[in-house]
């Protein structure tokens, strides 16, 4: 065995099924054909030049992302959930996006549920054949997806069996379905409610979808979930008014947000936040409207905790 390298079990390798994927992500990139002969600086330049293609590719599918946002907002307002199903890099990005929403927007932790082929262990290491487990994906979706939910499948190639199995089971459960991939030619496009095929092209390192394809999925997921939170009233102007202050930096940010939103002094904002028992939204509505904290809290309750709705109620 070579140091630092795991040698495959030859017998096991021969016995396993083999699939040759024809997705654009598996094609060779002519711009990086001499990658191993380049200087370090030139390698980085090639990667950076390729990465520049990603934002434009995401811009081309904004209509599809918008349709997905609308489906998610409808699901969450109806008391349902959003699920991410993915494998490998795609699945890990789904876990990351879902994990960041609660501290950033104080969203209920069951609003976004991330499912990763191979389970939690797959966050840190590759779990053998997990992405090929179509029945496993279907079983997981059948167990937790309910009618009215939204299920977003994450698969760079657009053909990952675990993901397609989950999407098929989700449809059978009465959930809306979306497939996000880096293969505009994916055959599964016709079997989901919304298809987001981001055309990122061949990777700098052939087949390494942790690169452009992964970057595209990160951009799409960030914009998707952020837009959902904006539509649900968890942002006022461009300020995080539903954030959870879990450390000193974030407690300071709450004061800064109040000062930005109200043009009040730090002293006044600190006092308002104290009177509102640390509830940023209540303090904000109280300061902007001039109402007592109790009235601000009541107005928020009547407006489904929408700041602009609460301010309109108090103004009338």
C-alpha atoms as a PDB file:
ATOM      1  CA  UNK A   1       0.000   0.000   0.000  1.00  0.00           C
ATOM      2  CA  UNK A   2       1.275   3.471  -0.922  1.00  0.00           C
ATOM      3  CA  UNK A   3       1.580   5.867   2.051  1.00  0.00           C
ATOM      4  CA  UNK A   4      -1.449   8.114   2.366  1.00  0.00           C
ATOM      5  CA  UNK A   5      -3.489   6.149  -0.151  1.00  0.00           C
ATOM      6  CA  UNK A   6      -6.248   3.592   0.332  1.00  0.00           C
ATOM      7  CA  UNK A   7      -5.936   0.722  -2.140  1.00  0.00           C
ATOM      8  CA  UNK A   8      -9.230  -0.672  -3.461  1.00  0.00           C
ATOM      9  CA  UNK A   9     -10.312  -4.240  -2.882  1.00  0.00           C
ATOM     10  CA  UNK A  10      -9.978  -5.598  -6.432  1.00  0.00           C
ATOM     11  CA  UNK A  11     -12.538  -8.364  -6.066  1.00  0.00           C
ATOM     12  CA  UNK A  12     -15.101  -6.058  -4.501  1.00  0.00           C
ATOM     13  CA  UNK A  13     -14.512  -3.441  -7.181  1.00  0.00           C
ATOM     14  CA  UNK A  14     -15.131  -5.909  -9.990  1.00  0.00           C
ATOM     15  CA  UNK A  15     -18.349  -7.150  -8.383  1.00  0.00           C
ATOM     16  CA  UNK A  16     -19.913  -3.736  -7.971  1.00  0.00           C
ATOM     17  CA  UNK A  17     -22.182  -2.157 -10.592  1.00  0.00           C
ATOM     18  CA  UNK A  18     -20.657   0.520 -12.819  1.00  0.00           C
ATOM     19  CA  UNK A  19     -22.500   3.548 -14.238  1.00  0.00           C
ATOM     20  CA  UNK A  20     -20.998   5.942 -16.782  1.00  0.00           C
ATOM     21  CA  UNK A  21     -22.624   9.333 -16.371  1.00  0.00           C
ATOM     22  CA  UNK A  22     -23.040  11.514 -19.449  1.00  0.00           C
ATOM     23  CA  UNK A  23     -23.846  14.755 -17.630  1.00  0.00           C
ATOM     24  CA  UNK A  24     -21.999  17.976 -18.615  1.00  0.00           C
ATOM     25  CA  UNK A  25     -20.284  17.870 -15.215  1.00  0.00           C
ATOM     26  CA  UNK A  26     -18.460  14.697 -16.339  1.00  0.00           C
ATOM     27  CA  UNK A  27     -17.064  16.162 -19.547  1.00  0.00           C
ATOM     28  CA  UNK A  28     -13.495  17.435 -19.914  1.00  0.00           C
ATOM     29  CA  UNK A  29     -12.801  21.135 -19.768  1.00  0.00           C
ATOM     30  CA  UNK A  30     -10.414  22.124 -22.600  1.00  0.00           C
ATOM     31  CA  UNK A  31      -9.278  25.198 -20.653  1.00  0.00           C
ATOM     32  CA  UNK A  32      -7.694  22.995 -17.992  1.00  0.00           C
ATOM     33  CA  UNK A  33      -6.267  20.215 -20.161  1.00  0.00           C
ATOM     34  CA  UNK A  34      -2.694  21.058 -19.072  1.00  0.00           C
ATOM     35  CA  UNK A  35      -3.586  21.719 -15.440  1.00  0.00           C
ATOM     36  CA  UNK A  36      -0.879  19.464 -14.013  1.00  0.00           C
ATOM     37  CA  UNK A  37       1.795  21.249 -16.061  1.00  0.00           C
ATOM     38  CA  UNK A  38       0.858  24.751 -14.943  1.00  0.00           C
ATOM     39  CA  UNK A  39       2.417  26.931 -12.289  1.00  0.00           C
ATOM     40  CA  UNK A  40       0.506  27.297  -9.039  1.00  0.00           C
ATOM     41  CA  UNK A  41      -0.563  30.811 -10.032  1.00  0.00           C
ATOM     42  CA  UNK A  42      -1.823  29.613 -13.405  1.00  0.00           C
ATOM     43  CA  UNK A  43      -3.789  26.764 -11.805  1.00  0.00           C
ATOM     44  CA  UNK A  44      -5.525  29.279  -9.569  1.00  0.00           C
ATOM     45  CA  UNK A  45      -6.196  31.577 -12.521  1.00  0.00           C
ATOM     46  CA  UNK A  46      -7.854  28.776 -14.472  1.00  0.00           C
ATOM     47  CA  UNK A  47     -10.042  27.882 -11.484  1.00  0.00           C
ATOM     48  CA  UNK A  48     -10.961  31.526 -10.894  1.00  0.00           C
ATOM     49  CA  UNK A  49     -11.804  32.078 -14.562  1.00  0.00           C
ATOM     50  CA  UNK A  50     -14.057  29.026 -14.517  1.00  0.00           C
ATOM     51  CA  UNK A  51     -15.757  30.164 -11.309  1.00  0.00           C
ATOM     52  CA  UNK A  52     -16.734  33.444 -12.995  1.00  0.00           C
ATOM     53  CA  UNK A  53     -19.202  31.480 -15.096  1.00  0.00           C
ATOM     54  CA  UNK A  54     -21.266  30.406 -12.095  1.00  0.00           C
ATOM     55  CA  UNK A  55     -23.153  33.631 -11.207  1.00  0.00           C
ATOM     56  CA  UNK A  56     -24.259  34.073 -14.819  1.00  0.00           C
ATOM     57  CA  UNK A  57     -25.458  30.468 -14.920  1.00  0.00           C
ATOM     58  CA  UNK A  58     -27.477  31.034 -11.744  1.00  0.00           C
ATOM     59  CA  UNK A  59     -28.910  34.273 -13.178  1.00  0.00           C
ATOM     60  CA  UNK A  60     -30.312  32.249 -16.080  1.00  0.00           C
ATOM     61  CA  UNK A  61     -32.530  30.193 -13.744  1.00  0.00           C
ATOM     62  CA  UNK A  62     -33.891  32.955 -11.485  1.00  0.00           C
ATOM     63  CA  UNK A  63     -37.457  32.349 -12.700  1.00  0.00           C
ATOM     64  CA  UNK A  64     -37.233  28.722 -11.591  1.00  0.00           C
ATOM     65  CA  UNK A  65     -35.741  29.720  -8.243  1.00  0.00           C
ATOM     66  CA  UNK A  66     -38.553  32.249  -7.779  1.00  0.00           C
ATOM     67  CA  UNK A  67     -41.144  29.552  -8.461  1.00  0.00           C
ATOM     68  CA  UNK A  68     -39.458  27.374  -5.829  1.00  0.00           C
ATOM     69  CA  UNK A  69     -39.512  30.235  -3.309  1.00  0.00           C
ATOM     70  CA  UNK A  70     -43.259  30.650  -3.871  1.00  0.00           C
ATOM     71  CA  UNK A  71     -43.834  26.932  -3.321  1.00  0.00           C
ATOM     72  CA  UNK A  72     -41.811  27.030  -0.090  1.00  0.00           C
ATOM     73  CA  UNK A  73     -43.611  30.084   1.257  1.00  0.00           C
ATOM     74  CA  UNK A  74     -46.993  28.489   0.541  1.00  0.00           C
ATOM     75  CA  UNK A  75     -45.905  25.263   2.254  1.00  0.00           C
ATOM     76  CA  UNK A  76     -44.560  26.979   5.369  1.00  0.00           C
ATOM     77  CA  UNK A  77     -47.544  29.316   5.697  1.00  0.00           C
ATOM     78  CA  UNK A  78     -49.755  26.237   5.493  1.00  0.00           C
ATOM     79  CA  UNK A  79     -47.973  24.596   8.412  1.00  0.00           C
ATOM     80  CA  UNK A  80     -45.882  22.270   6.266  1.00  0.00           C
ATOM     81  CA  UNK A  81     -42.128  21.788   5.799  1.00  0.00           C
ATOM     82  CA  UNK A  82     -39.324  22.103   3.273  1.00  0.00           C
ATOM     83  CA  UNK A  83     -37.032  19.097   2.799  1.00  0.00           C
ATOM     84  CA  UNK A  84     -33.619  18.897   1.150  1.00  0.00           C
ATOM     85  CA  UNK A  85     -32.509  15.472  -0.125  1.00  0.00           C
ATOM     86  CA  UNK A  86     -28.956  15.157  -1.399  1.00  0.00           C
ATOM     87  CA  UNK A  87     -25.762  13.118  -1.499  1.00  0.00           C
ATOM     88  CA  UNK A  88     -22.097  14.056  -1.283  1.00  0.00           C
ATOM     89  CA  UNK A  89     -21.286  17.738  -1.752  1.00  0.00           C
ATOM     90  CA  UNK A  90     -24.864  18.527  -2.781  1.00  0.00           C
ATOM     91  CA  UNK A  91     -26.286  16.943   0.339  1.00  0.00           C
ATOM     92  CA  UNK A  92     -23.738  18.606   2.616  1.00  0.00           C
ATOM     93  CA  UNK A  93     -24.646  22.005   1.190  1.00  0.00           C
ATOM     94  CA  UNK A  94     -28.296  21.267   1.953  1.00  0.00           C
ATOM     95  CA  UNK A  95     -27.422  20.416   5.551  1.00  0.00           C
ATOM     96  CA  UNK A  96     -25.389  23.621   5.844  1.00  0.00           C
ATOM     97  CA  UNK A  97     -28.161  25.817   4.449  1.00  0.00           C
ATOM     98  CA  UNK A  98     -30.817  24.324   6.726  1.00  0.00           C
ATOM     99  CA  UNK A  99     -28.573  24.575   9.794  1.00  0.00           C
ATOM    100  CA  UNK A 100     -27.925  28.291   9.283  1.00  0.00           C
ATOM    101  CA  UNK A 101     -31.554  29.397   9.070  1.00  0.00           C
ATOM    102  CA  UNK A 102     -32.498  29.065  12.736  1.00  0.00           C
ATOM    103  CA  UNK A 103     -29.696  31.280  14.122  1.00  0.00           C
ATOM    104  CA  UNK A 104     -29.965  33.778  11.265  1.00  0.00           C
ATOM    105  CA  UNK A 105     -33.729  34.144  11.048  1.00  0.00           C
ATOM    106  CA  UNK A 106     -35.002  32.428  14.215  1.00  0.00           C
ATOM    107  CA  UNK A 107     -36.968  30.065  12.003  1.00  0.00           C
ATOM    108  CA  UNK A 108     -38.546  27.037  13.661  1.00  0.00           C
ATOM    109  CA  UNK A 109     -36.056  24.177  13.457  1.00  0.00           C
ATOM    110  CA  UNK A 110     -38.524  21.873  11.736  1.00  0.00           C
ATOM    111  CA  UNK A 111     -39.253  24.268   8.868  1.00  0.00           C
ATOM    112  CA  UNK A 112     -36.244  23.081   6.850  1.00  0.00           C
ATOM    113  CA  UNK A 113     -35.246  19.416   7.123  1.00  0.00           C
ATOM    114  CA  UNK A 114     -32.032  18.231   5.481  1.00  0.00           C
ATOM    115  CA  UNK A 115     -31.576  14.582   4.517  1.00  0.00           C
ATOM    116  CA  UNK A 116     -28.128  13.346   3.550  1.00  0.00           C
ATOM    117  CA  UNK A 117     -27.430  10.000   1.883  1.00  0.00           C
ATOM    118  CA  UNK A 118     -25.429   7.954   4.360  1.00  0.00           C
ATOM    119  CA  UNK A 119     -26.725   9.895   7.374  1.00  0.00           C
ATOM    120  CA  UNK A 120     -24.767  12.218   9.692  1.00  0.00           C
ATOM    121  CA  UNK A 121     -21.507  10.317   9.170  1.00  0.00           C
ATOM    122  CA  UNK A 122     -21.556  11.407   5.523  1.00  0.00           C
ATOM    123  CA  UNK A 123     -21.002  15.044   6.552  1.00  0.00           C
ATOM    124  CA  UNK A 124     -17.369  14.253   7.356  1.00  0.00           C
ATOM    125  CA  UNK A 125     -16.525  11.312   5.114  1.00  0.00           C
ATOM    126  CA  UNK A 126     -17.766   9.532   2.009  1.00  0.00           C
ATOM    127  CA  UNK A 127     -20.212   6.728   2.843  1.00  0.00           C
ATOM    128  CA  UNK A 128     -19.791   3.886   0.370  1.00  0.00           C
ATOM    129  CA  UNK A 129     -22.587   3.501  -2.212  1.00  0.00           C
ATOM    130  CA  UNK A 130     -24.964   5.710  -0.190  1.00  0.00           C
ATOM    131  CA  UNK A 131     -25.901   7.869  -3.171  1.00  0.00           C
ATOM    132  CA  UNK A 132     -26.852   4.758  -5.176  1.00  0.00           C
ATOM    133  CA  UNK A 133     -29.472   3.724  -2.607  1.00  0.00           C
ATOM    134  CA  UNK A 134     -32.664   4.649  -4.439  1.00  0.00           C
ATOM    135  CA  UNK A 135     -34.802   2.568  -2.088  1.00  0.00           C
ATOM    136  CA  UNK A 136     -33.187   4.237   0.900  1.00  0.00           C
ATOM    137  CA  UNK A 137     -34.060   7.697  -0.404  1.00  0.00           C
ATOM    138  CA  UNK A 138     -37.607   6.601  -1.144  1.00  0.00           C
ATOM    139  CA  UNK A 139     -38.023   5.030   2.293  1.00  0.00           C
ATOM    140  CA  UNK A 140     -36.699   8.133   4.059  1.00  0.00           C
ATOM    141  CA  UNK A 141     -39.060  10.403   2.126  1.00  0.00           C
ATOM    142  CA  UNK A 142     -42.036   8.111   2.680  1.00  0.00           C
ATOM    143  CA  UNK A 143     -41.345   8.175   6.416  1.00  0.00           C
ATOM    144  CA  UNK A 144     -41.099  11.954   6.932  1.00  0.00           C
ATOM    145  CA  UNK A 145     -42.639  13.807   3.967  1.00  0.00           C
ATOM    146  CA  UNK A 146     -46.295  14.772   4.245  1.00  0.00           C
ATOM    147  CA  UNK A 147     -48.859  16.157   1.786  1.00  0.00           C
ATOM    148  CA  UNK A 148     -48.306  19.878   1.340  1.00  0.00           C
ATOM    149  CA  UNK A 149     -44.561  19.736   2.009  1.00  0.00           C
ATOM    150  CA  UNK A 150     -41.950  20.874  -0.496  1.00  0.00           C
ATOM    151  CA  UNK A 151     -39.089  18.511  -1.351  1.00  0.00           C
ATOM    152  CA  UNK A 152     -35.967  19.856  -3.050  1.00  0.00           C
ATOM    153  CA  UNK A 153     -33.645  17.250  -4.538  1.00  0.00           C
ATOM    154  CA  UNK A 154     -29.972  18.217  -4.768  1.00  0.00           C
ATOM    155  CA  UNK A 155     -27.911  16.290  -7.325  1.00  0.00           C
ATOM    156  CA  UNK A 156     -25.099  17.765  -9.418  1.00  0.00           C
ATOM    157  CA  UNK A 157     -25.604  15.215 -12.217  1.00  0.00           C
ATOM    158  CA  UNK A 158     -29.397  15.219 -11.961  1.00  0.00           C
ATOM    159  CA  UNK A 159     -29.494  11.412 -11.766  1.00  0.00           C
ATOM    160  CA  UNK A 160     -28.432  10.469  -8.228  1.00  0.00           C
ATOM    161  CA  UNK A 161     -30.581   7.411  -7.318  1.00  0.00           C
ATOM    162  CA  UNK A 162     -30.976   8.349  -3.624  1.00  0.00           C
ATOM    163  CA  UNK A 163     -32.335  11.758  -4.633  1.00  0.00           C
ATOM    164  CA  UNK A 164     -34.596  10.506  -7.433  1.00  0.00           C
ATOM    165  CA  UNK A 165     -35.997   7.845  -5.124  1.00  0.00           C
ATOM    166  CA  UNK A 166     -36.825  10.487  -2.538  1.00  0.00           C
ATOM    167  CA  UNK A 167     -38.473  12.743  -5.126  1.00  0.00           C
ATOM    168  CA  UNK A 168     -40.628   9.909  -6.471  1.00  0.00           C
ATOM    169  CA  UNK A 169     -41.776   8.957  -2.975  1.00  0.00           C
ATOM    170  CA  UNK A 170     -42.439  12.616  -2.141  1.00  0.00           C
ATOM    171  CA  UNK A 171     -44.690  12.973  -5.186  1.00  0.00           C
ATOM    172  CA  UNK A 172     -46.581   9.868  -4.098  1.00  0.00           C
ATOM    173  CA  UNK A 173     -47.060  11.493  -0.679  1.00  0.00           C
ATOM    174  CA  UNK A 174     -48.618  14.587  -2.240  1.00  0.00           C
ATOM    175  CA  UNK A 175     -45.640  16.922  -1.827  1.00  0.00           C
ATOM    176  CA  UNK A 176     -44.418  19.461  -4.366  1.00  0.00           C
ATOM    177  CA  UNK A 177     -41.031  18.561  -5.831  1.00  0.00           C
ATOM    178  CA  UNK A 178     -38.016  20.456  -7.172  1.00  0.00           C
ATOM    179  CA  UNK A 179     -34.761  19.161  -8.660  1.00  0.00           C
ATOM    180  CA  UNK A 180     -31.681  21.385  -8.441  1.00  0.00           C
ATOM    181  CA  UNK A 181     -28.729  20.187 -10.498  1.00  0.00           C
ATOM    182  CA  UNK A 182     -25.913  21.270 -12.805  1.00  0.00           C
ATOM    183  CA  UNK A 183     -27.237  19.280 -15.753  1.00  0.00           C
ATOM    184  CA  UNK A 184     -29.775  21.134 -17.919  1.00  0.00           C
ATOM    185  CA  UNK A 185     -30.210  17.881 -19.858  1.00  0.00           C
ATOM    186  CA  UNK A 186     -31.311  15.774 -16.869  1.00  0.00           C
ATOM    187  CA  UNK A 187     -34.009  13.264 -17.789  1.00  0.00           C
ATOM    188  CA  UNK A 188     -35.708  13.757 -14.426  1.00  0.00           C
ATOM    189  CA  UNK A 189     -36.627  17.337 -15.373  1.00  0.00           C
ATOM    190  CA  UNK A 190     -40.067  16.261 -16.573  1.00  0.00           C
ATOM    191  CA  UNK A 191     -40.917  14.402 -13.363  1.00  0.00           C
ATOM    192  CA  UNK A 192     -40.764  17.354 -10.912  1.00  0.00           C
ATOM    193  CA  UNK A 193     -42.862  20.470 -10.440  1.00  0.00           C
ATOM    194  CA  UNK A 194     -39.880  22.789 -10.863  1.00  0.00           C
ATOM    195  CA  UNK A 195     -36.587  21.933 -12.540  1.00  0.00           C
ATOM    196  CA  UNK A 196     -33.523  24.106 -11.832  1.00  0.00           C
ATOM    197  CA  UNK A 197     -30.779  23.029 -14.222  1.00  0.00           C
ATOM    198  CA  UNK A 198     -27.818  25.363 -13.758  1.00  0.00           C
ATOM    199  CA  UNK A 199     -25.521  25.215 -16.790  1.00  0.00           C
ATOM    200  CA  UNK A 200     -22.094  25.409 -15.122  1.00  0.00           C
ATOM    201  CA  UNK A 201     -20.397  23.264 -17.771  1.00  0.00           C
ATOM    202  CA  UNK A 202     -17.409  20.916 -17.340  1.00  0.00           C
ATOM    203  CA  UNK A 203     -15.361  21.195 -14.168  1.00  0.00           C
ATOM    204  CA  UNK A 204     -11.712  22.293 -14.083  1.00  0.00           C
ATOM    205  CA  UNK A 205     -10.930  18.857 -12.640  1.00  0.00           C
ATOM    206  CA  UNK A 206     -13.147  16.537 -14.669  1.00  0.00           C
ATOM    207  CA  UNK A 207     -16.101  15.282 -12.648  1.00  0.00           C
ATOM    208  CA  UNK A 208     -15.180  17.172  -9.459  1.00  0.00           C
ATOM    209  CA  UNK A 209     -18.604  18.619  -8.769  1.00  0.00           C
ATOM    210  CA  UNK A 210     -17.481  20.091  -5.461  1.00  0.00           C
ATOM    211  CA  UNK A 211     -16.214  22.932  -7.664  1.00  0.00           C
ATOM    212  CA  UNK A 212     -18.472  24.908 -10.030  1.00  0.00           C
ATOM    213  CA  UNK A 213     -21.508  22.690  -9.580  1.00  0.00           C
ATOM    214  CA  UNK A 214     -21.168  22.922  -5.801  1.00  0.00           C
ATOM    215  CA  UNK A 215     -20.654  26.685  -5.940  1.00  0.00           C
ATOM    216  CA  UNK A 216     -23.804  27.045  -8.050  1.00  0.00           C
ATOM    217  CA  UNK A 217     -25.833  24.969  -5.611  1.00  0.00           C
ATOM    218  CA  UNK A 218     -24.564  27.063  -2.700  1.00  0.00           C
ATOM    219  CA  UNK A 219     -25.583  30.259  -4.499  1.00  0.00           C
ATOM    220  CA  UNK A 220     -29.017  28.885  -5.375  1.00  0.00           C
ATOM    221  CA  UNK A 221     -29.678  27.578  -1.868  1.00  0.00           C
ATOM    222  CA  UNK A 222     -28.528  30.832  -0.257  1.00  0.00           C
ATOM    223  CA  UNK A 223     -30.750  32.951  -2.478  1.00  0.00           C
ATOM    224  CA  UNK A 224     -33.682  30.539  -2.225  1.00  0.00           C
ATOM    225  CA  UNK A 225     -33.801  30.247   1.554  1.00  0.00           C
ATOM    226  CA  UNK A 226     -33.028  33.938   2.095  1.00  0.00           C
ATOM    227  CA  UNK A 227     -35.845  34.959  -0.254  1.00  0.00           C
ATOM    228  CA  UNK A 228     -38.201  32.598   1.595  1.00  0.00           C
ATOM    229  CA  UNK A 229     -37.331  34.291   4.880  1.00  0.00           C
ATOM    230  CA  UNK A 230     -37.824  37.747   3.346  1.00  0.00           C
ATOM    231  CA  UNK A 231     -41.255  36.762   2.037  1.00  0.00           C
ATOM    232  CA  UNK A 232     -42.175  35.408   5.476  1.00  0.00           C
ATOM    233  CA  UNK A 233     -41.360  38.754   7.118  1.00  0.00           C
ATOM    234  CA  UNK A 234     -38.174  37.757   8.871  1.00  0.00           C
ATOM    235  CA  UNK A 235     -36.295  40.662   7.311  1.00  0.00           C
ATOM    236  CA  UNK A 236     -37.154  44.368   7.687  1.00  0.00           C
ATOM    237  CA  UNK A 237     -35.582  46.524   4.988  1.00  0.00           C
ATOM    238  CA  UNK A 238     -32.339  44.530   4.664  1.00  0.00           C
ATOM    239  CA  UNK A 239     -31.913  43.889   8.388  1.00  0.00           C
ATOM    240  CA  UNK A 240     -31.989  40.548  10.253  1.00  0.00           C
ATOM    241  CA  UNK A 241     -34.784  41.328  12.685  1.00  0.00           C
ATOM    242  CA  UNK A 242     -35.446  37.732  13.729  1.00  0.00           C
ATOM    243  CA  UNK A 243     -31.872  36.749  14.537  1.00  0.00           C
ATOM    244  CA  UNK A 244     -31.039  34.846  17.718  1.00  0.00           C
ATOM    245  CA  UNK A 245     -28.424  36.596  19.892  1.00  0.00           C
ATOM    246  CA  UNK A 246     -26.400  33.622  21.116  1.00  0.00           C
ATOM    247  CA  UNK A 247     -23.139  35.464  21.794  1.00  0.00           C
ATOM    248  CA  UNK A 248     -21.724  38.910  22.604  1.00  0.00           C
ATOM    249  CA  UNK A 249     -21.154  39.809  18.939  1.00  0.00           C
ATOM    250  CA  UNK A 250     -24.745  39.039  18.025  1.00  0.00           C
ATOM    251  CA  UNK A 251     -26.096  40.921  21.036  1.00  0.00           C
ATOM    252  CA  UNK A 252     -24.128  43.906  19.808  1.00  0.00           C
ATOM    253  CA  UNK A 253     -25.538  43.382  16.321  1.00  0.00           C
ATOM    254  CA  UNK A 254     -29.065  43.603  17.713  1.00  0.00           C
ATOM    255  CA  UNK A 255     -28.294  47.063  19.087  1.00  0.00           C
ATOM    256  CA  UNK A 256     -26.773  48.083  15.756  1.00  0.00           C
ATOM    257  CA  UNK A 257     -29.830  46.830  13.860  1.00  0.00           C
ATOM    258  CA  UNK A 258     -32.150  48.857  16.089  1.00  0.00           C
ATOM    259  CA  UNK A 259     -30.011  51.960  15.632  1.00  0.00           C
ATOM    260  CA  UNK A 260     -29.950  51.513  11.839  1.00  0.00           C
ATOM    261  CA  UNK A 261     -33.692  50.891  11.590  1.00  0.00           C
ATOM    262  CA  UNK A 262     -34.832  53.674  13.919  1.00  0.00           C
ATOM    263  CA  UNK A 263     -32.091  56.337  13.868  1.00  0.00           C
ATOM    264  CA  UNK A 264     -32.264  56.286  17.656  1.00  0.00           C
ATOM    265  CA  UNK A 265     -29.260  56.514  19.958  1.00  0.00           C
ATOM    266  CA  UNK A 266     -27.552  53.462  21.387  1.00  0.00           C
ATOM    267  CA  UNK A 267     -28.888  54.304  24.850  1.00  0.00           C
ATOM    268  CA  UNK A 268     -32.479  54.483  23.653  1.00  0.00           C
ATOM    269  CA  UNK A 269     -32.112  51.232  21.700  1.00  0.00           C
ATOM    270  CA  UNK A 270     -30.616  49.417  24.652  1.00  0.00           C
ATOM    271  CA  UNK A 271     -33.472  50.580  26.854  1.00  0.00           C
ATOM    272  CA  UNK A 272     -36.113  49.579  24.315  1.00  0.00           C
ATOM    273  CA  UNK A 273     -34.576  46.130  23.884  1.00  0.00           C
ATOM    274  CA  UNK A 274     -34.488  45.680  27.666  1.00  0.00           C
ATOM    275  CA  UNK A 275     -38.146  46.713  27.986  1.00  0.00           C
ATOM    276  CA  UNK A 276     -39.030  44.255  25.214  1.00  0.00           C
ATOM    277  CA  UNK A 277     -37.281  41.440  27.125  1.00  0.00           C
ATOM    278  CA  UNK A 278     -34.708  41.084  24.345  1.00  0.00           C
ATOM    279  CA  UNK A 279     -37.285  40.745  21.548  1.00  0.00           C
ATOM    280  CA  UNK A 280     -35.804  42.721  18.651  1.00  0.00           C
ATOM    281  CA  UNK A 281     -39.008  42.894  16.617  1.00  0.00           C
ATOM    282  CA  UNK A 282     -41.053  44.210  19.517  1.00  0.00           C
ATOM    283  CA  UNK A 283     -38.434  46.828  20.356  1.00  0.00           C
ATOM    284  CA  UNK A 284     -38.268  47.873  16.706  1.00  0.00           C
ATOM    285  CA  UNK A 285     -42.027  48.271  16.306  1.00  0.00           C
ATOM    286  CA  UNK A 286     -42.225  50.166  19.590  1.00  0.00           C
ATOM    287  CA  UNK A 287     -39.486  52.625  18.625  1.00  0.00           C
ATOM    288  CA  UNK A 288     -40.678  53.216  15.043  1.00  0.00           C
ATOM    289  CA  UNK A 289     -44.349  53.612  15.966  1.00  0.00           C
ATOM    290  CA  UNK A 290     -43.895  55.311  19.331  1.00  0.00           C
ATOM    291  CA  UNK A 291     -46.247  52.752  20.883  1.00  0.00           C
ATOM    292  CA  UNK A 292     -45.781  51.065  24.229  1.00  0.00           C
ATOM    293  CA  UNK A 293     -44.044  47.695  24.221  1.00  0.00           C
ATOM    294  CA  UNK A 294     -47.292  45.905  25.092  1.00  0.00           C
ATOM    295  CA  UNK A 295     -49.084  47.516  22.134  1.00  0.00           C
ATOM    296  CA  UNK A 296     -46.186  46.691  19.805  1.00  0.00           C
ATOM    297  CA  UNK A 297     -46.247  43.064  20.942  1.00  0.00           C
ATOM    298  CA  UNK A 298     -50.008  42.833  20.419  1.00  0.00           C
ATOM    299  CA  UNK A 299     -49.772  44.373  16.943  1.00  0.00           C
ATOM    300  CA  UNK A 300     -47.112  41.851  15.954  1.00  0.00           C
ATOM    301  CA  UNK A 301     -49.301  39.005  17.163  1.00  0.00           C
ATOM    302  CA  UNK A 302     -52.227  40.329  15.094  1.00  0.00           C
ATOM    303  CA  UNK A 303     -50.076  40.689  11.958  1.00  0.00           C
ATOM    304  CA  UNK A 304     -48.482  37.227  12.024  1.00  0.00           C
ATOM    305  CA  UNK A 305     -45.303  38.850  13.386  1.00  0.00           C
ATOM    306  CA  UNK A 306     -44.816  40.971  10.278  1.00  0.00           C
ATOM    307  CA  UNK A 307     -43.131  44.255  11.210  1.00  0.00           C
ATOM    308  CA  UNK A 308     -44.656  46.318   8.406  1.00  0.00           C
ATOM    309  CA  UNK A 309     -48.063  44.821   9.114  1.00  0.00           C
ATOM    310  CA  UNK A 310     -47.750  45.667  12.805  1.00  0.00           C
ATOM    311  CA  UNK A 311     -46.667  49.238  12.000  1.00  0.00           C
ATOM    312  CA  UNK A 312     -49.682  49.630   9.671  1.00  0.00           C
ATOM    313  CA  UNK A 313     -52.024  48.468  12.432  1.00  0.00           C
ATOM    314  CA  UNK A 314     -50.549  50.909  14.922  1.00  0.00           C
ATOM    315  CA  UNK A 315     -50.659  53.754  12.401  1.00  0.00           C
ATOM    316  CA  UNK A 316     -54.368  53.197  11.823  1.00  0.00           C
END
